[in-house]
Every structure is written in structure tokens, then in C-alpha cells.
């Protein structure tokens, strides 16, 4: 069932591991078949060395396992809620990458300070508010996603394919599992650049709106001209 999706998700998880953004069994990537309302996701706690297509778990939109002998990622409820609310995404990546997690643990937005950032993220990457004790105690993973959705009330997830979950780490998304991993790689790179830029010049501000618009819209706007047709 959905072997193509399972293969995409397996390859994306292996790509995440190869990128160096995760260690041990940390992190997970999922993908969704919108027509069938089924997601494929990495199993919980499985080493990347042992990950194969037949170990990828399929779950329905209520979180019920429809194929697989292993437990799905413990973050499955977070992925499902994001898919329910961000209708145009088809892949989600979660990691605990070093610099992006530093910004998340600091509970502050990652500022857009240059064109490298602006090429991929339309402004500062938002950080969520920390969860209250009752939301941690019950339905923690679901409430994590609800905090993300709330933070994006006035943000287009297509223009901002990343979030920093307070005290936790980053989630990224795109129109495929593979591209969601690419977003995670870029996020980590610009998070490091911003961190070191602030060390060099703590007083530096963010990029101008004009330069932000130019770099983001030339790649993603309706009149985009970056790359090949």
C-alpha cells in the first residue's frame, strides 16, 4: 500500500540523517497522500542504520495504524495536525539540529539578516510560545502543533516553511518529504549564520524590506525569474 510514498519518506529520513542534522534516532520525516488521507512516517526510536521502506508506518488522519508492525514516531500527532491545517504541504521534517534548536531553546524568532535567509524564508522564522503545564501533561504532541498553528495565524506557511518550537526544536515543511529536508538543511545553515553574525555585531539589525522582497520574490513570487523554466 502506497509503496511510492513509503519509499519517498524512507529516502527523506535517510537524507536527513546523512545531512548531519540528527544523531542517534532523533528526528523524523513524513509525507502525505492527500487523496487517501494517509501519511507515511518514520517509526519511533528506530536507528537510521536499520531504517528501510518496509519499516515506514502508514497512519490515517486520526492516527490509527493502517500498515506497519512498528509504532509510528512519537511526533505523529504533531505532523497530523499540521497536515490538517496547512492544506498545501505534502512533507514535514522535524529535527533537533544544533543552531536552529539553540534559537528554539532561546524562545526567540530567528531574524532574517541577509539574502541567504531571504531566498528561502520570507522574514524572521517564528518561534512559538512555550506550552503551559496542562498542555504538556495531556496531548503534548497535539498541543505542540496547535501552538504552531496559532503562531501562524497571520503567516503564510508557503512563504514561511519553518517554525521554531519553544524549548524544543525546528519543524520544516514543503510540497514533498525530500524538499522538507532541504528546508531543514537551509534553516540550520542560516541559523548558524545569524548566531555568528550577532556575535560579531550584536547591534546589527535585520535585512531591509526591499532586499527581502527582491530575494524571496525572485524565487517564489508570481513573476519569479530565478532558475530555469
Protein backbone atom coordinates (compact mmCIF):
# COMPACT_ATOMS: atom_id res chain seq x y z
CA UNK A 1 0.00 0.00 0.00
CA UNK A 2 1.37 3.39 -1.07
CA UNK A 3 4.82 1.93 -1.74
CA UNK A 4 5.85 5.05 -3.64
CA UNK A 5 5.07 7.32 -0.68
CA UNK A 6 6.79 4.96 1.75
CA UNK A 7 9.91 4.96 -0.44
CA UNK A 8 9.92 8.78 -0.62
CA UNK A 9 9.60 9.05 3.16
CA UNK A 10 12.28 6.43 3.82
CA UNK A 11 14.71 8.17 1.45
CA UNK A 12 13.95 11.56 3.02
CA UNK A 13 14.64 10.21 6.51
CA UNK A 14 17.93 8.72 5.35
CA UNK A 15 18.78 12.03 3.68
CA UNK A 16 18.07 13.83 6.97
CA UNK A 17 20.46 11.52 8.77
CA UNK A 18 23.13 11.89 6.07
CA UNK A 19 22.83 15.69 6.29
CA UNK A 20 24.29 15.61 9.79
CA UNK A 21 21.29 17.39 11.33
CA UNK A 22 20.39 14.45 13.57
CA UNK A 23 22.18 11.95 15.77
CA UNK A 24 21.04 8.66 17.32
CA UNK A 25 17.40 8.11 16.34
CA UNK A 26 16.44 11.78 16.64
CA UNK A 27 14.26 13.41 14.07
CA UNK A 28 11.57 12.23 11.69
CA UNK A 29 10.17 12.94 8.24
CA UNK A 30 6.67 12.24 7.00
CA UNK A 31 4.72 12.52 3.76
CA UNK A 32 1.03 12.52 2.95
CA UNK A 33 -1.24 11.13 0.26
CA UNK A 34 -3.98 13.77 0.24
CA UNK A 35 -6.38 11.69 -1.86
CA UNK A 36 -6.27 8.73 0.52
CA UNK A 37 -5.76 10.87 3.67
CA UNK A 38 -2.89 8.67 4.81
CA UNK A 39 0.55 9.70 5.99
CA UNK A 40 3.78 7.73 5.98
CA UNK A 41 6.21 8.40 8.81
CA UNK A 42 9.38 7.09 10.41
CA UNK A 43 8.83 4.56 13.21
CA UNK A 44 9.58 5.66 16.75
CA UNK A 45 13.08 5.15 18.09
CA UNK A 46 14.39 3.16 15.12
CA UNK A 47 18.05 3.68 14.24
CA UNK A 48 18.66 5.15 10.82
CA UNK A 49 21.08 2.28 10.18
CA UNK A 50 18.12 -0.10 10.43
CA UNK A 51 15.61 2.02 8.54
CA UNK A 52 14.11 0.52 5.37
CA UNK A 53 10.98 1.03 3.30
CA UNK A 54 9.19 -1.89 4.95
CA UNK A 55 9.63 -0.25 8.37
CA UNK A 56 7.87 3.01 7.39
CA UNK A 57 4.48 3.21 9.13
CA UNK A 58 1.24 4.31 7.48
CA UNK A 59 -1.40 6.01 9.63
CA UNK A 60 -4.76 7.61 8.88
CA UNK A 61 -5.65 11.17 9.80
CA UNK A 62 -6.88 10.02 13.22
CA UNK A 63 -3.51 8.45 13.96
CA UNK A 64 -4.63 4.84 13.53
CA UNK A 65 -2.03 2.49 12.05
CA UNK A 66 -3.21 1.19 8.68
CA UNK A 67 0.02 -0.57 7.73
CA UNK A 68 3.15 -1.46 9.65
CA UNK A 69 4.25 -3.55 12.62
CA UNK A 70 6.07 -0.75 14.45
CA UNK A 71 4.89 2.24 16.45
CA UNK A 72 4.92 5.46 14.41
CA UNK A 73 7.02 8.43 15.52
CA UNK A 74 6.05 9.91 18.86
CA UNK A 75 5.61 13.19 16.98
CA UNK A 76 2.91 11.74 14.69
CA UNK A 77 0.12 13.80 16.28
CA UNK A 78 2.12 16.97 15.55
CA UNK A 79 2.54 16.01 11.91
CA UNK A 80 -1.15 15.14 11.52
CA UNK A 81 -2.34 18.44 12.95
CA UNK A 82 -0.02 20.39 10.66
CA UNK A 83 -1.32 18.47 7.63
CA UNK A 84 -4.89 19.20 8.73
CA UNK A 85 -4.23 22.93 8.95
CA UNK A 86 -1.65 23.57 6.22
CA UNK A 87 -3.51 22.21 3.22
CA UNK A 88 -0.77 22.75 0.62
CA UNK A 89 2.09 20.92 2.30
CA UNK A 90 2.97 17.31 1.48
CA UNK A 91 6.06 16.66 3.59
CA UNK A 92 7.18 17.54 7.12
CA UNK A 93 10.62 17.27 8.70
CA UNK A 94 11.48 17.53 12.39
CA UNK A 95 15.00 17.62 13.73
CA UNK A 96 16.96 18.80 16.73
CA UNK A 97 19.66 20.41 14.62
CA UNK A 98 22.18 22.39 16.64
CA UNK A 99 21.79 26.08 15.78
CA UNK A 100 18.09 26.00 14.93
CA UNK A 101 17.46 24.32 18.29
CA UNK A 102 19.56 26.99 20.03
CA UNK A 103 17.19 29.66 18.70
CA UNK A 104 14.21 27.50 19.65
CA UNK A 105 15.54 27.00 23.18
CA UNK A 106 16.06 30.74 23.46
CA UNK A 107 12.37 31.12 22.52
CA UNK A 108 13.06 33.92 20.07
CA UNK A 109 12.40 34.36 16.38
CA UNK A 110 15.29 33.72 14.01
CA UNK A 111 15.83 37.13 12.37
CA UNK A 112 16.28 37.48 8.64
CA UNK A 113 19.66 39.18 8.44
CA UNK A 114 20.73 38.53 4.88
CA UNK A 115 19.88 37.30 1.42
CA UNK A 116 20.74 33.66 2.09
CA UNK A 117 17.89 33.54 4.59
CA UNK A 118 15.62 35.65 2.37
CA UNK A 119 15.99 33.24 -0.54
CA UNK A 120 14.03 30.62 1.41
CA UNK A 121 12.12 32.24 4.29
CA UNK A 122 10.04 35.38 3.90
CA UNK A 123 11.11 37.16 7.08
CA UNK A 124 12.02 36.02 10.56
CA UNK A 125 11.41 32.35 11.29
CA UNK A 126 8.83 32.43 14.08
CA UNK A 127 9.21 30.83 17.48
CA UNK A 128 6.14 29.54 19.27
CA UNK A 129 5.16 30.37 22.81
CA UNK A 130 6.15 27.86 25.47
CA UNK A 131 3.45 25.35 26.34
CA UNK A 132 1.64 25.62 29.64
CA UNK A 133 1.91 22.73 32.12
CA UNK A 134 -1.55 21.36 31.40
CA UNK A 135 -0.88 21.26 27.66
CA UNK A 136 2.34 19.36 28.31
CA UNK A 137 0.62 16.86 30.60
CA UNK A 138 -2.16 15.95 28.16
CA UNK A 139 -1.96 15.61 24.36
CA UNK A 140 1.53 17.10 24.35
CA UNK A 141 2.32 16.37 20.70
CA UNK A 142 -1.07 17.61 19.52
CA UNK A 143 -0.75 20.77 21.58
CA UNK A 144 2.72 21.33 20.13
CA UNK A 145 1.14 21.50 16.70
CA UNK A 146 -1.70 23.70 17.92
CA UNK A 147 0.89 26.17 19.21
CA UNK A 148 2.49 26.18 15.75
CA UNK A 149 -0.86 26.72 14.02
CA UNK A 150 -1.70 29.54 16.42
CA UNK A 151 1.65 31.20 15.73
CA UNK A 152 0.90 31.02 12.01
CA UNK A 153 -2.49 32.71 12.29
CA UNK A 154 -1.18 35.64 10.22
CA UNK A 155 1.69 33.86 8.46
CA UNK A 156 1.52 32.01 5.15
CA UNK A 157 3.15 28.57 5.64
CA UNK A 158 4.04 28.56 1.94
CA UNK A 159 6.17 31.68 2.44
CA UNK A 160 7.50 30.54 5.81
CA UNK A 161 8.16 26.77 5.62
CA UNK A 162 9.68 26.56 9.09
CA UNK A 163 8.98 27.13 12.76
CA UNK A 164 10.98 27.02 15.98
CA UNK A 165 9.06 25.22 18.72
CA UNK A 166 9.89 26.87 22.03
CA UNK A 167 12.31 24.87 24.22
CA UNK A 168 12.23 22.09 21.62
CA UNK A 169 13.45 22.44 18.04
CA UNK A 170 12.56 23.12 14.42
CA UNK A 171 9.88 21.76 12.11
CA UNK A 172 10.05 22.42 8.37
CA UNK A 173 7.68 21.51 5.54
CA UNK A 174 7.29 21.66 1.78
CA UNK A 175 5.46 20.05 -1.12
CA UNK A 176 7.41 16.80 -0.71
CA UNK A 177 9.26 14.95 2.06
CA UNK A 178 12.57 15.48 0.24
CA UNK A 179 12.08 19.25 -0.01
CA UNK A 180 11.06 19.40 3.65
CA UNK A 181 14.51 18.02 4.50
CA UNK A 182 16.11 20.59 2.21
CA UNK A 183 14.31 23.32 4.19
CA UNK A 184 15.72 21.87 7.41
CA UNK A 185 19.24 21.95 5.98
CA UNK A 186 18.89 25.58 4.89
CA UNK A 187 17.30 26.55 8.21
CA UNK A 188 20.25 25.15 10.13
CA UNK A 189 22.70 26.99 7.86
CA UNK A 190 21.03 30.39 8.26
CA UNK A 191 20.51 29.82 12.00
CA UNK A 192 24.26 29.40 12.38
CA UNK A 193 24.95 32.45 10.21
CA UNK A 194 22.58 34.61 12.27
CA UNK A 195 24.06 33.36 15.56
CA UNK A 196 27.60 34.17 14.48
CA UNK A 197 26.60 37.49 12.91
CA UNK A 198 25.12 38.55 16.24
CA UNK A 199 28.35 37.56 17.98
CA UNK A 200 30.36 39.71 15.56
CA UNK A 201 27.99 42.68 15.70
CA UNK A 202 25.32 42.47 18.44
CA UNK A 203 23.79 45.76 17.31
CA UNK A 204 23.14 44.67 13.73
CA UNK A 205 19.56 44.82 12.55
CA UNK A 206 17.70 42.73 10.04
CA UNK A 207 17.58 42.86 6.26
CA UNK A 208 15.68 45.72 4.62
CA UNK A 209 12.16 45.02 3.40
CA UNK A 210 13.24 45.93 -0.12
CA UNK A 211 16.07 43.39 -0.18
CA UNK A 212 13.90 40.76 1.49
CA UNK A 213 11.22 41.19 -1.16
CA UNK A 214 13.72 41.12 -4.01
CA UNK A 215 15.39 37.88 -2.94
CA UNK A 216 12.32 35.97 -1.83
CA UNK A 217 10.02 37.01 -4.66
CA UNK A 218 12.56 36.47 -7.43
CA UNK A 219 12.49 32.79 -6.44
CA UNK A 220 8.91 32.36 -5.18
CA UNK A 221 6.75 35.22 -6.46
CA UNK A 222 4.34 35.10 -9.39
CA UNK A 223 6.97 36.84 -11.53
CA UNK A 224 9.86 34.72 -10.26
CA UNK A 225 12.84 34.60 -12.59
CA UNK A 226 15.41 32.59 -10.63
CA UNK A 227 16.46 29.28 -12.20
CA UNK A 228 15.38 27.63 -15.41
CA UNK A 229 11.91 27.42 -16.93
